[in-house]
Amino acid sequence: MLLELEWTQQIVTDEIMKYKELLDEGIITKEEFFVKEEELLRKIAKKKSNSWFRKSHPFITSK
């Protein structure tokens, strides 16, 4: 489960960096960047909360 979270964090970090490059090149606006960044960071938060929930409730299996 930890590896899945680390993998997700790396993917999200890579995606944010790609969007930062687009911002720096003027292809997207700051607003577009911040919307996408927030969306991606929510994925990490969701994975973390799901991971904690599964550890706290081991009788619940993931789908």
C-alpha atoms as a PDB file:
ATOM      1  CA  MET A   1       0.000   0.000   0.000  1.00  0.00           C
ATOM      2  CA  LEU A   2       2.877   2.355   0.812  1.00  0.00           C
ATOM      3  CA  LEU A   3       4.425   1.692  -2.580  1.00  0.00           C
ATOM      4  CA  GLU A   4       1.137   2.553  -4.264  1.00  0.00           C
ATOM      5  CA  LEU A   5       1.051   5.867  -2.386  1.00  0.00           C
ATOM      6  CA  GLU A   6       4.674   6.636  -3.271  1.00  0.00           C
ATOM      7  CA  TRP A   7       3.984   5.764  -6.910  1.00  0.00           C
ATOM      8  CA  THR A   8       0.950   8.066  -6.916  1.00  0.00           C
ATOM      9  CA  GLN A   9       2.971  10.877  -5.369  1.00  0.00           C
ATOM     10  CA  GLN A  10       5.670  10.519  -8.019  1.00  0.00           C
ATOM     11  CA  ILE A  11       3.138  10.504 -10.868  1.00  0.00           C
ATOM     12  CA  VAL A  12       1.398  13.575  -9.446  1.00  0.00           C
ATOM     13  CA  THR A  13       4.718  15.376  -8.968  1.00  0.00           C
ATOM     14  CA  ASP A  14       5.680  14.630 -12.571  1.00  0.00           C
ATOM     15  CA  GLU A  15       2.318  15.886 -13.823  1.00  0.00           C
ATOM     16  CA  ILE A  16       2.576  19.106 -11.811  1.00  0.00           C
ATOM     17  CA  MET A  17       6.044  19.687 -13.246  1.00  0.00           C
ATOM     18  CA  LYS A  18       4.669  19.234 -16.780  1.00  0.00           C
ATOM     19  CA  TYR A  19       1.947  21.788 -16.112  1.00  0.00           C
ATOM     20  CA  LYS A  20       4.534  24.155 -14.601  1.00  0.00           C
ATOM     21  CA  GLU A  21       6.510  23.945 -17.835  1.00  0.00           C
ATOM     22  CA  LEU A  22       3.353  24.786 -19.796  1.00  0.00           C
ATOM     23  CA  LEU A  23       2.789  27.752 -17.496  1.00  0.00           C
ATOM     24  CA  ASP A  24       6.374  28.948 -17.889  1.00  0.00           C
ATOM     25  CA  GLU A  25       6.049  28.696 -21.677  1.00  0.00           C
ATOM     26  CA  GLY A  26       2.856  30.749 -21.612  1.00  0.00           C
ATOM     27  CA  ILE A  27       0.743  27.907 -22.978  1.00  0.00           C
ATOM     28  CA  ILE A  28      -1.588  27.884 -19.965  1.00  0.00           C
ATOM     29  CA  THR A  29      -2.565  30.613 -17.500  1.00  0.00           C
ATOM     30  CA  LYS A  30      -1.777  30.737 -13.785  1.00  0.00           C
ATOM     31  CA  GLU A  31      -5.410  30.001 -13.073  1.00  0.00           C
ATOM     32  CA  GLU A  32      -5.348  26.897 -15.271  1.00  0.00           C
ATOM     33  CA  PHE A  33      -2.146  25.753 -13.583  1.00  0.00           C
ATOM     34  CA  PHE A  34      -3.530  26.214 -10.071  1.00  0.00           C
ATOM     35  CA  VAL A  35      -6.771  24.391 -10.934  1.00  0.00           C
ATOM     36  CA  LYS A  36      -4.847  21.420 -12.300  1.00  0.00           C
ATOM     37  CA  GLU A  37      -2.365  21.469  -9.423  1.00  0.00           C
ATOM     38  CA  GLU A  38      -5.175  21.392  -6.871  1.00  0.00           C
ATOM     39  CA  GLU A  39      -6.874  18.544  -8.737  1.00  0.00           C
ATOM     40  CA  LEU A  40      -3.669  16.519  -8.773  1.00  0.00           C
ATOM     41  CA  LEU A  41      -2.870  17.188  -5.108  1.00  0.00           C
ATOM     42  CA  ARG A  42      -6.337  15.959  -4.186  1.00  0.00           C
ATOM     43  CA  LYS A  43      -5.398  12.592  -5.694  1.00  0.00           C
ATOM     44  CA  ILE A  44      -2.558  12.295  -3.192  1.00  0.00           C
ATOM     45  CA  ALA A  45      -4.779  13.374  -0.312  1.00  0.00           C
ATOM     46  CA  LYS A  46      -7.411  10.839  -1.341  1.00  0.00           C
ATOM     47  CA  LYS A  47      -4.837   8.035  -1.542  1.00  0.00           C
ATOM     48  CA  LYS A  48      -3.479   8.981   1.882  1.00  0.00           C
ATOM     49  CA  SER A  49      -6.914   9.045   3.477  1.00  0.00           C
ATOM     50  CA  ASN A  50      -7.893   5.764   1.818  1.00  0.00           C
ATOM     51  CA  SER A  51      -4.643   4.195   2.982  1.00  0.00           C
ATOM     52  CA  TRP A  52      -5.242   5.330   6.561  1.00  0.00           C
ATOM     53  CA  PHE A  53      -8.845   4.137   6.433  1.00  0.00           C
ATOM     54  CA  ARG A  54      -7.856   0.656   5.237  1.00  0.00           C
ATOM     55  CA  LYS A  55      -5.234   0.359   7.986  1.00  0.00           C
ATOM     56  CA  SER A  56      -7.766   1.463  10.588  1.00  0.00           C
ATOM     57  CA  HIS A  57     -10.446  -0.868   9.222  1.00  0.00           C
ATOM     58  CA  PRO A  58      -8.642  -4.006   8.003  1.00  0.00           C
ATOM     59  CA  PHE A  59     -11.893  -5.893   7.586  1.00  0.00           C
ATOM     60  CA  ILE A  60     -12.798  -3.623   4.663  1.00  0.00           C
ATOM     61  CA  THR A  61     -11.213  -4.746   1.418  1.00  0.00           C
ATOM     62  CA  SER A  62     -10.418  -2.488  -1.503  1.00  0.00           C
ATOM     63  CA  LYS A  63     -12.518  -2.844  -4.633  1.00  0.00           C
END
